[in-house]
């Protein structure tokens, strides 16, 4: 978990899961995140760290035509790809005899607090 990476560090990532209030608002390649934000009419300005732009957009804006960033993601092609991946993982787990697994990204605020407090202690 990295909360606000520099541009140099951010550019080294391959894959990004972006959360807002504990819910997934982007799940895909780092190369695709600028295109995704552009599709929401929130393009990353030239010479701007994409990580900084995303944090500012998530704290200030709600995409036009949506109630939240979560809704926008769920209705996007990126959200659809993520859903297909989750379904495939569930089917693979069932085929391997693991049974039903919960691949949802949501967790309670209390659980997030406990995990992050535990991480900071070490």
Foldseek 3Di string as FASTA:
>chain_A
DDQQDDLVVLVPFFWDFDDDPQATLATGGSVCPQVLCVVLVQHDDPPHRVSVSVVVCQVPHARPPDPHSRVSLCPDPRVVVVVVVVVVVQVVCVVVVVHGDDPHRGDDPVVVVVVVVVVVVD
